[in-house]
Amino acid sequence: PAEEAEPPDLDDVDAALLFGAAHQVDQEDQHPWLRPEKRLVRALLERGTPTVGVCFGAQLVAEAAGAVVRPAARPEVGWHEIELLPAAASDPLLGFLPRRTEVFSWHSYECQLPDGATALARSDVGLQAFRLDDRPVWGIQFHPEVTEADVGSWIDDWPNDAAAQRTGLDPEELRRDTAAKIAAWNDVGRAISERFVAAAE
């Protein structure tokens, strides 16, 4: 975890994956490790290192590229539909997905589209995926990497998650829904990962 380790030497980094966190990008005062983490992300972008940011990671990428990150109109937790935008059809990472796709999310913040970036997907709440135009860098707001065990641990913490509680969802129904959908979703996650490796190479 970023809060427990020094940022890596980027001379040894050929590609980067930035994942989620239980924190928010505007909480530097509570979590001082965010400052070196943000410097690291800015350096990745400056170097043009192939990078994918997921959820919190996408928000870090967006902020490093100059975009606003802020609380969303409402939390997006669980399974919901997104729309792939026309630019996604030729995107190296997301081009294989149908125009309307059900994804798994768990966030209460959103990022705006950075200048010099292309929007790839949206939900009725906000931006779901983007790519920087001049670098192999993506932000994905949903969670293609999530496993059933991950979701289970997040649901177990439901009583402590104010954003999740605001959704009004039944956590046990979400657990059952996830058990039925996660295998196919993990296939999607593997496909995105494989496409990122190919793009990075």
N, C-alpha and C. Protein backbone atom coordinates (compact mmCIF):
# COMPACT_ATOMS: atom_id res chain seq x y z
N PRO A 1 0.83 -1.21 0.00
CA PRO A 1 0.00 0.00 0.00
C PRO A 1 0.86 1.26 0.00
N ALA A 2 0.36 2.30 -0.65
CA ALA A 2 1.15 3.53 -0.78
C ALA A 2 1.49 4.13 0.57
N GLU A 3 0.58 3.98 1.55
CA GLU A 3 0.84 4.59 2.85
C GLU A 3 1.91 3.85 3.64
N GLU A 4 2.34 2.69 3.16
CA GLU A 4 3.31 1.88 3.91
C GLU A 4 4.66 1.76 3.21
N ALA A 5 4.82 2.37 2.05
CA ALA A 5 6.06 2.19 1.30
C ALA A 5 6.43 3.46 0.56
N GLU A 6 7.71 3.59 0.27
CA GLU A 6 8.18 4.70 -0.54
C GLU A 6 7.80 4.47 -2.00
N PRO A 7 7.52 5.51 -2.77
CA PRO A 7 7.24 5.33 -4.19
C PRO A 7 8.42 4.66 -4.90
N PRO A 8 8.15 3.85 -5.91
CA PRO A 8 9.24 3.15 -6.59
C PRO A 8 10.07 4.10 -7.45
N ASP A 9 11.26 3.64 -7.80
CA ASP A 9 12.12 4.36 -8.74
C ASP A 9 11.54 4.14 -10.14
N LEU A 10 11.11 5.21 -10.79
CA LEU A 10 10.43 5.07 -12.07
C LEU A 10 11.35 4.61 -13.19
N ASP A 11 12.67 4.67 -12.99
CA ASP A 11 13.57 4.12 -14.00
C ASP A 11 13.38 2.62 -14.15
N ASP A 12 12.80 1.99 -13.13
CA ASP A 12 12.57 0.55 -13.17
C ASP A 12 11.13 0.21 -13.55
N VAL A 13 10.32 1.19 -13.91
CA VAL A 13 8.90 0.98 -14.17
C VAL A 13 8.63 1.13 -15.67
N ASP A 14 8.18 0.05 -16.30
CA ASP A 14 7.83 0.09 -17.72
C ASP A 14 6.35 0.37 -17.95
N ALA A 15 5.52 0.07 -16.97
CA ALA A 15 4.08 0.31 -17.05
C ALA A 15 3.54 0.33 -15.62
N ALA A 16 2.40 0.96 -15.43
CA ALA A 16 1.88 1.12 -14.06
C ALA A 16 0.37 0.90 -14.03
N LEU A 17 -0.07 0.26 -12.96
CA LEU A 17 -1.49 0.12 -12.64
C LEU A 17 -1.72 0.79 -11.30
N LEU A 18 -2.65 1.71 -11.24
CA LEU A 18 -2.98 2.45 -10.03
C LEU A 18 -4.39 2.07 -9.61
N PHE A 19 -4.54 1.46 -8.44
CA PHE A 19 -5.82 0.90 -8.05
C PHE A 19 -6.56 1.78 -7.04
N GLY A 20 -7.63 1.24 -6.49
CA GLY A 20 -8.51 1.99 -5.63
C GLY A 20 -7.96 2.18 -4.23
N ALA A 21 -8.71 2.93 -3.44
CA ALA A 21 -8.33 3.19 -2.05
C ALA A 21 -9.60 3.52 -1.26
N ALA A 22 -9.49 3.39 0.03
CA ALA A 22 -10.62 3.74 0.89
C ALA A 22 -10.66 5.23 1.18
N HIS A 23 -9.71 5.98 0.59
CA HIS A 23 -9.59 7.41 0.85
C HIS A 23 -10.00 8.19 -0.39
N GLN A 24 -9.95 9.51 -0.29
CA GLN A 24 -10.30 10.38 -1.41
C GLN A 24 -9.10 11.26 -1.75
N VAL A 25 -9.07 11.73 -3.00
CA VAL A 25 -7.89 12.46 -3.47
C VAL A 25 -7.73 13.82 -2.79
N ASP A 26 -8.78 14.32 -2.16
CA ASP A 26 -8.69 15.63 -1.51
C ASP A 26 -8.42 15.52 -0.01
N GLN A 27 -7.90 14.38 0.43
CA GLN A 27 -7.68 14.15 1.86
C GLN A 27 -6.19 14.14 2.22
N GLU A 28 -5.42 15.01 1.60
CA GLU A 28 -3.99 15.05 1.87
C GLU A 28 -3.68 15.40 3.32
N ASP A 29 -4.50 16.24 3.94
CA ASP A 29 -4.24 16.61 5.34
C ASP A 29 -4.36 15.40 6.25
N GLN A 30 -5.34 14.53 5.99
CA GLN A 30 -5.51 13.33 6.81
C GLN A 30 -4.54 12.23 6.43
N HIS A 31 -4.12 12.22 5.17
CA HIS A 31 -3.28 11.13 4.66
C HIS A 31 -2.09 11.73 3.90
N PRO A 32 -1.02 12.11 4.63
CA PRO A 32 0.12 12.78 3.99
C PRO A 32 0.79 11.96 2.89
N TRP A 33 0.64 10.63 2.89
CA TRP A 33 1.24 9.81 1.83
C TRP A 33 0.68 10.14 0.46
N LEU A 34 -0.47 10.85 0.44
CA LEU A 34 -1.04 11.22 -0.86
C LEU A 34 -0.13 12.19 -1.63
N ARG A 35 0.63 13.00 -0.92
CA ARG A 35 1.47 13.98 -1.61
C ARG A 35 2.54 13.29 -2.46
N PRO A 36 3.36 12.38 -1.90
CA PRO A 36 4.32 11.69 -2.78
C PRO A 36 3.63 10.81 -3.81
N GLU A 37 2.47 10.28 -3.47
CA GLU A 37 1.73 9.47 -4.45
C GLU A 37 1.33 10.32 -5.65
N LYS A 38 0.88 11.53 -5.40
CA LYS A 38 0.49 12.41 -6.50
C LYS A 38 1.71 12.84 -7.32
N ARG A 39 2.83 13.06 -6.65
CA ARG A 39 4.06 13.39 -7.41
C ARG A 39 4.45 12.23 -8.32
N LEU A 40 4.28 11.02 -7.81
CA LEU A 40 4.59 9.83 -8.61
C LEU A 40 3.70 9.77 -9.85
N VAL A 41 2.42 10.02 -9.69
CA VAL A 41 1.50 9.96 -10.82
C VAL A 41 1.83 11.04 -11.84
N ARG A 42 2.14 12.23 -11.37
CA ARG A 42 2.54 13.30 -12.30
C ARG A 42 3.79 12.90 -13.07
N ALA A 43 4.73 12.26 -12.39
CA ALA A 43 5.96 11.83 -13.06
C ALA A 43 5.66 10.75 -14.10
N LEU A 44 4.76 9.83 -13.80
CA LEU A 44 4.38 8.81 -14.79
C LEU A 44 3.82 9.47 -16.04
N LEU A 45 2.97 10.48 -15.85
CA LEU A 45 2.38 11.16 -17.00
C LEU A 45 3.44 11.93 -17.78
N GLU A 46 4.34 12.59 -17.06
CA GLU A 46 5.39 13.36 -17.74
C GLU A 46 6.29 12.46 -18.57
N ARG A 47 6.55 11.26 -18.07
CA ARG A 47 7.41 10.31 -18.78
C ARG A 47 6.68 9.61 -19.92
N GLY A 48 5.35 9.67 -19.92
CA GLY A 48 4.58 8.91 -20.90
C GLY A 48 4.57 7.43 -20.63
N THR A 49 4.75 7.05 -19.37
CA THR A 49 4.72 5.63 -18.99
C THR A 49 3.32 5.08 -19.20
N PRO A 50 3.16 3.94 -19.88
CA PRO A 50 1.84 3.33 -20.00
C PRO A 50 1.23 3.12 -18.62
N THR A 51 0.04 3.65 -18.41
CA THR A 51 -0.57 3.66 -17.09
C THR A 51 -2.08 3.48 -17.20
N VAL A 52 -2.63 2.69 -16.29
CA VAL A 52 -4.07 2.62 -16.11
C VAL A 52 -4.38 2.93 -14.66
N GLY A 53 -5.23 3.93 -14.44
CA GLY A 53 -5.74 4.22 -13.11
C GLY A 53 -7.15 3.69 -12.97
N VAL A 54 -7.42 2.99 -11.88
CA VAL A 54 -8.73 2.40 -11.64
C VAL A 54 -9.36 3.06 -10.41
N CYS A 55 -10.55 3.59 -10.55
CA CYS A 55 -11.33 4.20 -9.48
C CYS A 55 -10.53 5.35 -8.86
N PHE A 56 -10.08 5.21 -7.62
CA PHE A 56 -9.21 6.22 -7.01
C PHE A 56 -8.00 6.50 -7.90
N GLY A 57 -7.44 5.46 -8.51
CA GLY A 57 -6.31 5.64 -9.42
C GLY A 57 -6.67 6.49 -10.62
N ALA A 58 -7.88 6.31 -11.15
CA ALA A 58 -8.35 7.14 -12.27
C ALA A 58 -8.47 8.59 -11.85
N GLN A 59 -8.93 8.80 -10.62
CA GLN A 59 -9.05 10.17 -10.13
C GLN A 59 -7.68 10.82 -9.93
N LEU A 60 -6.70 10.04 -9.48
CA LEU A 60 -5.33 10.56 -9.39
C LEU A 60 -4.80 10.96 -10.76
N VAL A 61 -5.05 10.11 -11.76
CA VAL A 61 -4.60 10.42 -13.13
C VAL A 61 -5.28 11.68 -13.63
N ALA A 62 -6.59 11.77 -13.42
CA ALA A 62 -7.32 12.95 -13.89
C ALA A 62 -6.81 14.22 -13.24
N GLU A 63 -6.61 14.17 -11.93
CA GLU A 63 -6.11 15.36 -11.23
C GLU A 63 -4.71 15.73 -11.72
N ALA A 64 -3.84 14.72 -11.91
CA ALA A 64 -2.48 14.99 -12.39
C ALA A 64 -2.50 15.61 -13.78
N ALA A 65 -3.54 15.29 -14.56
CA ALA A 65 -3.68 15.85 -15.91
C ALA A 65 -4.43 17.17 -15.92
N GLY A 66 -4.77 17.68 -14.73
CA GLY A 66 -5.36 19.01 -14.63
C GLY A 66 -6.86 19.06 -14.47
N ALA A 67 -7.51 17.93 -14.28
CA ALA A 67 -8.96 17.91 -14.18
C ALA A 67 -9.43 18.03 -12.73
N VAL A 68 -10.67 18.40 -12.57
CA VAL A 68 -11.30 18.51 -11.25
C VAL A 68 -11.77 17.13 -10.80
N VAL A 69 -11.50 16.80 -9.54
CA VAL A 69 -12.04 15.61 -8.90
C VAL A 69 -12.89 16.09 -7.72
N ARG A 70 -14.11 15.55 -7.61
CA ARG A 70 -15.05 16.09 -6.62
C ARG A 70 -16.05 15.01 -6.23
N PRO A 71 -16.82 15.24 -5.15
CA PRO A 71 -17.88 14.29 -4.81
C PRO A 71 -18.88 14.17 -5.96
N ALA A 72 -19.29 12.96 -6.24
CA ALA A 72 -20.27 12.72 -7.29
C ALA A 72 -21.67 13.09 -6.80
N ALA A 73 -22.59 13.25 -7.73
CA ALA A 73 -23.97 13.57 -7.37
C ALA A 73 -24.55 12.51 -6.45
N ARG A 74 -24.13 11.26 -6.65
CA ARG A 74 -24.53 10.18 -5.75
C ARG A 74 -23.51 9.06 -5.88
N PRO A 75 -23.37 8.24 -4.85
CA PRO A 75 -22.43 7.12 -4.95
C PRO A 75 -22.88 6.12 -6.01
N GLU A 76 -21.90 5.49 -6.63
CA GLU A 76 -22.18 4.35 -7.53
C GLU A 76 -21.54 3.13 -6.87
N VAL A 77 -22.38 2.26 -6.37
CA VAL A 77 -21.94 1.07 -5.66
C VAL A 77 -22.69 -0.12 -6.23
N GLY A 78 -21.95 -1.16 -6.61
CA GLY A 78 -22.58 -2.35 -7.14
C GLY A 78 -22.60 -2.38 -8.66
N TRP A 79 -23.56 -3.10 -9.21
CA TRP A 79 -23.65 -3.33 -10.65
C TRP A 79 -24.54 -2.27 -11.29
N HIS A 80 -24.02 -1.62 -12.31
CA HIS A 80 -24.82 -0.62 -13.02
C HIS A 80 -24.34 -0.53 -14.46
N GLU A 81 -25.17 0.08 -15.29
CA GLU A 81 -24.88 0.14 -16.72
C GLU A 81 -24.13 1.41 -17.08
N ILE A 82 -23.15 1.26 -17.96
CA ILE A 82 -22.48 2.41 -18.54
C ILE A 82 -22.65 2.37 -20.06
N GLU A 83 -22.41 3.50 -20.68
CA GLU A 83 -22.47 3.60 -22.13
C GLU A 83 -21.07 3.88 -22.67
N LEU A 84 -20.61 3.02 -23.58
CA LEU A 84 -19.35 3.27 -24.27
C LEU A 84 -19.60 4.33 -25.34
N LEU A 85 -18.76 5.34 -25.38
CA LEU A 85 -18.90 6.44 -26.33
C LEU A 85 -18.23 6.08 -27.66
N PRO A 86 -18.53 6.81 -28.75
CA PRO A 86 -18.01 6.43 -30.05
C PRO A 86 -16.50 6.22 -30.10
N ALA A 87 -15.73 7.03 -29.37
CA ALA A 87 -14.27 6.90 -29.39
C ALA A 87 -13.81 5.58 -28.82
N ALA A 88 -14.64 4.92 -28.01
CA ALA A 88 -14.23 3.67 -27.39
C ALA A 88 -14.14 2.53 -28.39
N ALA A 89 -14.84 2.64 -29.51
CA ALA A 89 -14.87 1.54 -30.48
C ALA A 89 -13.47 1.18 -30.97
N SER A 90 -12.59 2.16 -31.08
CA SER A 90 -11.22 1.91 -31.55
C SER A 90 -10.20 1.95 -30.44
N ASP A 91 -10.65 2.01 -29.20
CA ASP A 91 -9.72 2.11 -28.08
C ASP A 91 -9.02 0.78 -27.85
N PRO A 92 -7.70 0.80 -27.62
CA PRO A 92 -6.97 -0.47 -27.42
C PRO A 92 -7.43 -1.26 -26.21
N LEU A 93 -7.92 -0.59 -25.17
CA LEU A 93 -8.32 -1.30 -23.95
C LEU A 93 -9.79 -1.70 -23.97
N LEU A 94 -10.66 -0.78 -24.34
CA LEU A 94 -12.10 -0.99 -24.15
C LEU A 94 -12.85 -1.28 -25.43
N GLY A 95 -12.16 -1.32 -26.55
CA GLY A 95 -12.83 -1.45 -27.84
C GLY A 95 -13.63 -2.73 -28.02
N PHE A 96 -13.37 -3.75 -27.24
CA PHE A 96 -14.09 -5.03 -27.39
C PHE A 96 -15.43 -5.03 -26.67
N LEU A 97 -15.69 -4.03 -25.83
CA LEU A 97 -16.92 -4.03 -25.04
C LEU A 97 -18.11 -3.56 -25.86
N PRO A 98 -19.31 -4.08 -25.58
CA PRO A 98 -20.52 -3.58 -26.26
C PRO A 98 -20.82 -2.16 -25.83
N ARG A 99 -21.68 -1.50 -26.62
CA ARG A 99 -21.94 -0.08 -26.36
C ARG A 99 -22.55 0.13 -24.98
N ARG A 100 -23.42 -0.75 -24.56
CA ARG A 100 -23.96 -0.70 -23.20
C ARG A 100 -23.45 -1.91 -22.43
N THR A 101 -22.83 -1.65 -21.30
CA THR A 101 -22.14 -2.70 -20.55
C THR A 101 -22.45 -2.54 -19.07
N GLU A 102 -22.69 -3.65 -18.39
CA GLU A 102 -22.86 -3.61 -16.94
C GLU A 102 -21.50 -3.78 -16.30
N VAL A 103 -21.18 -2.90 -15.35
CA VAL A 103 -19.88 -2.90 -14.69
C VAL A 103 -20.09 -2.91 -13.18
N PHE A 104 -18.99 -3.19 -12.46
CA PHE A 104 -19.03 -3.12 -11.00
C PHE A 104 -18.29 -1.88 -10.53
N SER A 105 -18.93 -1.12 -9.66
CA SER A 105 -18.34 0.12 -9.15
C SER A 105 -18.48 0.21 -7.64
N TRP A 106 -17.62 1.05 -7.07
CA TRP A 106 -17.72 1.33 -5.62
C TRP A 106 -17.00 2.65 -5.38
N HIS A 107 -17.70 3.76 -5.59
CA HIS A 107 -17.08 5.07 -5.40
C HIS A 107 -18.14 6.12 -5.12
N SER A 108 -17.69 7.21 -4.53
CA SER A 108 -18.58 8.34 -4.27
C SER A 108 -18.01 9.65 -4.80
N TYR A 109 -16.84 9.59 -5.44
CA TYR A 109 -16.24 10.75 -6.09
C TYR A 109 -16.25 10.53 -7.60
N GLU A 110 -16.11 11.62 -8.33
CA GLU A 110 -16.03 11.55 -9.79
C GLU A 110 -14.91 12.48 -10.26
N CYS A 111 -14.45 12.21 -11.47
CA CYS A 111 -13.47 13.12 -12.08
C CYS A 111 -14.07 13.71 -13.35
N GLN A 112 -13.68 14.93 -13.63
CA GLN A 112 -14.03 15.57 -14.89
C GLN A 112 -13.02 15.15 -15.95
N LEU A 113 -13.36 15.37 -17.21
CA LEU A 113 -12.47 14.99 -18.31
C LEU A 113 -11.31 15.99 -18.39
N PRO A 114 -10.06 15.50 -18.31
CA PRO A 114 -8.93 16.43 -18.46
C PRO A 114 -8.88 17.04 -19.86
N ASP A 115 -8.32 18.23 -19.96
CA ASP A 115 -8.01 18.79 -21.28
C ASP A 115 -7.03 17.85 -21.97
N GLY A 116 -7.20 17.66 -23.26
CA GLY A 116 -6.30 16.77 -23.98
C GLY A 116 -6.57 15.31 -23.70
N ALA A 117 -7.82 14.99 -23.38
CA ALA A 117 -8.21 13.60 -23.14
C ALA A 117 -9.49 13.31 -23.90
N THR A 118 -9.73 12.04 -24.16
CA THR A 118 -10.93 11.59 -24.87
C THR A 118 -11.80 10.78 -23.92
N ALA A 119 -13.08 11.15 -23.83
CA ALA A 119 -14.02 10.39 -23.02
C ALA A 119 -14.35 9.09 -23.73
N LEU A 120 -14.31 7.99 -22.98
CA LEU A 120 -14.57 6.67 -23.54
C LEU A 120 -15.87 6.05 -23.05
N ALA A 121 -16.32 6.41 -21.86
CA ALA A 121 -17.54 5.82 -21.31
C ALA A 121 -18.13 6.75 -20.26
N ARG A 122 -19.46 6.69 -20.14
CA ARG A 122 -20.18 7.49 -19.16
C ARG A 122 -21.29 6.65 -18.55
N SER A 123 -21.72 7.05 -17.36
CA SER A 123 -22.95 6.55 -16.77
C SER A 123 -23.88 7.74 -16.60
N ASP A 124 -25.06 7.52 -16.03
CA ASP A 124 -25.94 8.66 -15.81
C ASP A 124 -25.45 9.54 -14.67
N VAL A 125 -24.41 9.10 -13.96
CA VAL A 125 -23.82 9.91 -12.90
C VAL A 125 -22.64 10.72 -13.41
N GLY A 126 -21.80 10.12 -14.24
CA GLY A 126 -20.63 10.86 -14.69
C GLY A 126 -19.69 10.05 -15.55
N LEU A 127 -18.50 10.60 -15.76
CA LEU A 127 -17.46 10.00 -16.60
C LEU A 127 -17.02 8.67 -16.00
N GLN A 128 -16.90 7.65 -16.88
CA GLN A 128 -16.51 6.31 -16.43
C GLN A 128 -15.17 5.84 -16.97
N ALA A 129 -14.73 6.42 -18.08
CA ALA A 129 -13.42 6.04 -18.62
C ALA A 129 -12.95 7.12 -19.58
N PHE A 130 -11.62 7.32 -19.60
CA PHE A 130 -11.03 8.29 -20.52
C PHE A 130 -9.62 7.85 -20.88
N ARG A 131 -9.10 8.42 -21.93
CA ARG A 131 -7.71 8.16 -22.37
C ARG A 131 -7.07 9.51 -22.69
N LEU A 132 -5.84 9.71 -22.22
CA LEU A 132 -5.11 10.91 -22.62
C LEU A 132 -4.75 10.80 -24.09
N ASP A 133 -4.88 11.90 -24.82
CA ASP A 133 -4.74 11.83 -26.27
C ASP A 133 -3.32 11.58 -26.74
N ASP A 134 -2.33 12.05 -26.00
CA ASP A 134 -0.96 11.99 -26.50
C ASP A 134 -0.08 11.00 -25.76
N ARG A 135 -0.69 10.19 -24.87
CA ARG A 135 0.08 9.23 -24.08
C ARG A 135 -0.76 7.98 -23.84
N PRO A 136 -0.11 6.83 -23.64
CA PRO A 136 -0.86 5.59 -23.38
C PRO A 136 -1.30 5.52 -21.92
N VAL A 137 -2.20 6.43 -21.55
CA VAL A 137 -2.65 6.57 -20.16
C VAL A 137 -4.17 6.59 -20.14
N TRP A 138 -4.73 5.73 -19.29
CA TRP A 138 -6.18 5.60 -19.18
C TRP A 138 -6.63 5.81 -17.73
N GLY A 139 -7.85 6.28 -17.58
CA GLY A 139 -8.53 6.29 -16.29
C GLY A 139 -9.83 5.52 -16.43
N ILE A 140 -10.07 4.59 -15.52
CA ILE A 140 -11.28 3.77 -15.54
C ILE A 140 -11.93 3.88 -14.16
N GLN A 141 -13.13 4.43 -14.11
CA GLN A 141 -13.76 4.67 -12.81
C GLN A 141 -14.33 3.40 -12.18
N PHE A 142 -14.75 2.45 -12.99
CA PHE A 142 -15.29 1.20 -12.46
C PHE A 142 -14.16 0.24 -12.12
N HIS A 143 -14.50 -0.96 -11.64
CA HIS A 143 -13.51 -1.90 -11.11
C HIS A 143 -13.42 -3.18 -11.94
N PRO A 144 -12.61 -3.20 -13.00
CA PRO A 144 -12.45 -4.44 -13.76
C PRO A 144 -11.62 -5.49 -13.05
N GLU A 145 -10.93 -5.11 -11.98
CA GLU A 145 -10.01 -6.02 -11.29
C GLU A 145 -10.65 -6.74 -10.11
N VAL A 146 -11.87 -6.37 -9.75
CA VAL A 146 -12.45 -6.82 -8.50
C VAL A 146 -12.77 -8.32 -8.53
N THR A 147 -12.55 -9.00 -7.41
CA THR A 147 -12.88 -10.41 -7.27
C THR A 147 -14.08 -10.56 -6.33
N GLU A 148 -14.63 -11.76 -6.28
CA GLU A 148 -15.74 -11.99 -5.37
C GLU A 148 -15.30 -11.78 -3.91
N ALA A 149 -14.07 -12.18 -3.60
CA ALA A 149 -13.56 -11.98 -2.26
C ALA A 149 -13.43 -10.49 -1.93
N ASP A 150 -12.98 -9.69 -2.90
CA ASP A 150 -12.91 -8.24 -2.69
C ASP A 150 -14.28 -7.68 -2.34
N VAL A 151 -15.25 -8.01 -3.19
CA VAL A 151 -16.60 -7.49 -2.96
C VAL A 151 -17.13 -7.95 -1.61
N GLY A 152 -16.87 -9.21 -1.28
CA GLY A 152 -17.32 -9.72 0.00
C GLY A 152 -16.76 -8.93 1.17
N SER A 153 -15.48 -8.57 1.09
CA SER A 153 -14.87 -7.82 2.19
C SER A 153 -15.44 -6.41 2.26
N TRP A 154 -15.74 -5.81 1.11
CA TRP A 154 -16.34 -4.46 1.12
C TRP A 154 -17.75 -4.51 1.70
N ILE A 155 -18.51 -5.55 1.34
CA ILE A 155 -19.86 -5.68 1.88
C ILE A 155 -19.80 -5.94 3.38
N ASP A 156 -18.82 -6.72 3.81
CA ASP A 156 -18.68 -6.97 5.25
C ASP A 156 -18.49 -5.67 6.02
N ASP A 157 -17.90 -4.68 5.37
CA ASP A 157 -17.64 -3.39 6.02
C ASP A 157 -18.78 -2.39 5.81
N TRP A 158 -19.89 -2.85 5.26
CA TRP A 158 -21.02 -1.98 4.93
C TRP A 158 -21.43 -1.06 6.09
N PRO A 159 -21.50 -1.56 7.34
CA PRO A 159 -21.93 -0.67 8.43
C PRO A 159 -21.01 0.54 8.65
N ASN A 160 -19.75 0.45 8.17
CA ASN A 160 -18.80 1.54 8.34
C ASN A 160 -18.65 2.39 7.08
N ASP A 161 -19.41 2.09 6.04
CA ASP A 161 -19.27 2.78 4.75
C ASP A 161 -20.49 3.66 4.52
N ALA A 162 -20.36 4.93 4.86
CA ALA A 162 -21.50 5.84 4.76
C ALA A 162 -21.98 5.99 3.32
N ALA A 163 -21.04 6.01 2.36
CA ALA A 163 -21.44 6.16 0.96
C ALA A 163 -22.25 4.96 0.49
N ALA A 164 -21.81 3.77 0.85
CA ALA A 164 -22.56 2.58 0.47
C ALA A 164 -23.95 2.59 1.08
N GLN A 165 -24.03 3.00 2.32
CA GLN A 165 -25.34 3.05 2.97
C GLN A 165 -26.28 4.04 2.29
N ARG A 166 -25.74 5.13 1.75
CA ARG A 166 -26.59 6.13 1.09
C ARG A 166 -27.25 5.59 -0.17
N THR A 167 -26.74 4.52 -0.73
CA THR A 167 -27.33 3.97 -1.96
C THR A 167 -28.69 3.33 -1.70
N GLY A 168 -28.94 2.92 -0.46
CA GLY A 168 -30.18 2.22 -0.17
C GLY A 168 -30.21 0.78 -0.62
N LEU A 169 -29.08 0.28 -1.11
CA LEU A 169 -29.03 -1.11 -1.56
C LEU A 169 -29.08 -2.07 -0.38
N ASP A 170 -29.55 -3.26 -0.64
CA ASP A 170 -29.49 -4.35 0.33
C ASP A 170 -28.15 -5.04 0.14
N PRO A 171 -27.24 -4.97 1.10
CA PRO A 171 -25.91 -5.53 0.90
C PRO A 171 -25.92 -7.04 0.64
N GLU A 172 -26.84 -7.76 1.23
CA GLU A 172 -26.87 -9.21 1.00
C GLU A 172 -27.41 -9.54 -0.38
N GLU A 173 -28.29 -8.72 -0.89
CA GLU A 173 -28.74 -8.89 -2.28
C GLU A 173 -27.58 -8.61 -3.23
N LEU A 174 -26.80 -7.59 -2.92
CA LEU A 174 -25.62 -7.29 -3.73
C LEU A 174 -24.64 -8.45 -3.69
N ARG A 175 -24.48 -9.08 -2.55
CA ARG A 175 -23.58 -10.22 -2.44
C ARG A 175 -24.05 -11.37 -3.35
N ARG A 176 -25.36 -11.63 -3.33
CA ARG A 176 -25.91 -12.70 -4.18
C ARG A 176 -25.79 -12.35 -5.66
N ASP A 177 -26.07 -11.10 -5.98
CA ASP A 177 -25.97 -10.64 -7.37
C ASP A 177 -24.54 -10.78 -7.88
N THR A 178 -23.59 -10.43 -7.03
CA THR A 178 -22.18 -10.52 -7.40
C THR A 178 -21.77 -11.97 -7.63
N ALA A 179 -22.22 -12.88 -6.79
CA ALA A 179 -21.89 -14.29 -6.97
C ALA A 179 -22.33 -14.79 -8.33
N ALA A 180 -23.45 -14.27 -8.83
CA ALA A 180 -23.97 -14.71 -10.13
C ALA A 180 -23.24 -14.07 -11.31
N LYS A 181 -22.65 -12.91 -11.10
CA LYS A 181 -22.10 -12.14 -12.22
C LYS A 181 -20.58 -12.09 -12.27
N ILE A 182 -19.91 -12.46 -11.18
CA ILE A 182 -18.49 -12.15 -11.07
C ILE A 182 -17.62 -12.94 -12.05
N ALA A 183 -17.99 -14.17 -12.38
CA ALA A 183 -17.14 -14.96 -13.28
C ALA A 183 -17.04 -14.29 -14.65
N ALA A 184 -18.17 -13.88 -15.20
CA ALA A 184 -18.14 -13.20 -16.49
C ALA A 184 -17.41 -11.86 -16.39
N TRP A 185 -17.59 -11.18 -15.25
CA TRP A 185 -16.92 -9.89 -15.07
C TRP A 185 -15.40 -10.07 -14.97
N ASN A 186 -14.95 -11.13 -14.33
CA ASN A 186 -13.52 -11.40 -14.26
C ASN A 186 -12.94 -11.67 -15.64
N ASP A 187 -13.71 -12.28 -16.54
CA ASP A 187 -13.25 -12.45 -17.93
C ASP A 187 -13.02 -11.09 -18.58
N VAL A 188 -13.92 -10.15 -18.33
CA VAL A 188 -13.75 -8.79 -18.86
C VAL A 188 -12.48 -8.17 -18.28
N GLY A 189 -12.28 -8.32 -16.98
CA GLY A 189 -11.09 -7.75 -16.35
C GLY A 189 -9.81 -8.31 -16.92
N ARG A 190 -9.80 -9.62 -17.16
CA ARG A 190 -8.60 -10.23 -17.75
C ARG A 190 -8.36 -9.71 -19.16
N ALA A 191 -9.44 -9.53 -19.92
CA ALA A 191 -9.29 -9.02 -21.29
C ALA A 191 -8.73 -7.60 -21.29
N ILE A 192 -9.21 -6.76 -20.39
CA ILE A 192 -8.67 -5.39 -20.29
C ILE A 192 -7.20 -5.44 -19.90
N SER A 193 -6.85 -6.30 -18.96
CA SER A 193 -5.45 -6.41 -18.53
C SER A 193 -4.56 -6.87 -19.67
N GLU A 194 -5.01 -7.88 -20.41
CA GLU A 194 -4.21 -8.38 -21.53
C GLU A 194 -4.03 -7.31 -22.59
N ARG A 195 -5.06 -6.54 -22.83
CA ARG A 195 -4.97 -5.47 -23.83
C ARG A 195 -4.03 -4.35 -23.37
N PHE A 196 -4.02 -4.09 -22.06
CA PHE A 196 -3.10 -3.09 -21.56
C PHE A 196 -1.65 -3.55 -21.71
N VAL A 197 -1.40 -4.80 -21.38
CA VAL A 197 -0.03 -5.34 -21.54
C VAL A 197 0.40 -5.23 -23.00
N ALA A 198 -0.50 -5.59 -23.92
CA ALA A 198 -0.16 -5.49 -25.35
C ALA A 198 0.12 -4.06 -25.76
N ALA A 199 -0.71 -3.13 -25.25
CA ALA A 199 -0.50 -1.72 -25.59
C ALA A 199 0.81 -1.20 -25.01
N ALA A 200 1.13 -1.63 -23.79
CA ALA A 200 2.36 -1.18 -23.14
C ALA A 200 3.60 -1.72 -23.86
N GLU A 201 3.50 -2.92 -24.41
CA GLU A 201 4.63 -3.50 -25.11
C GLU A 201 4.89 -2.81 -26.44
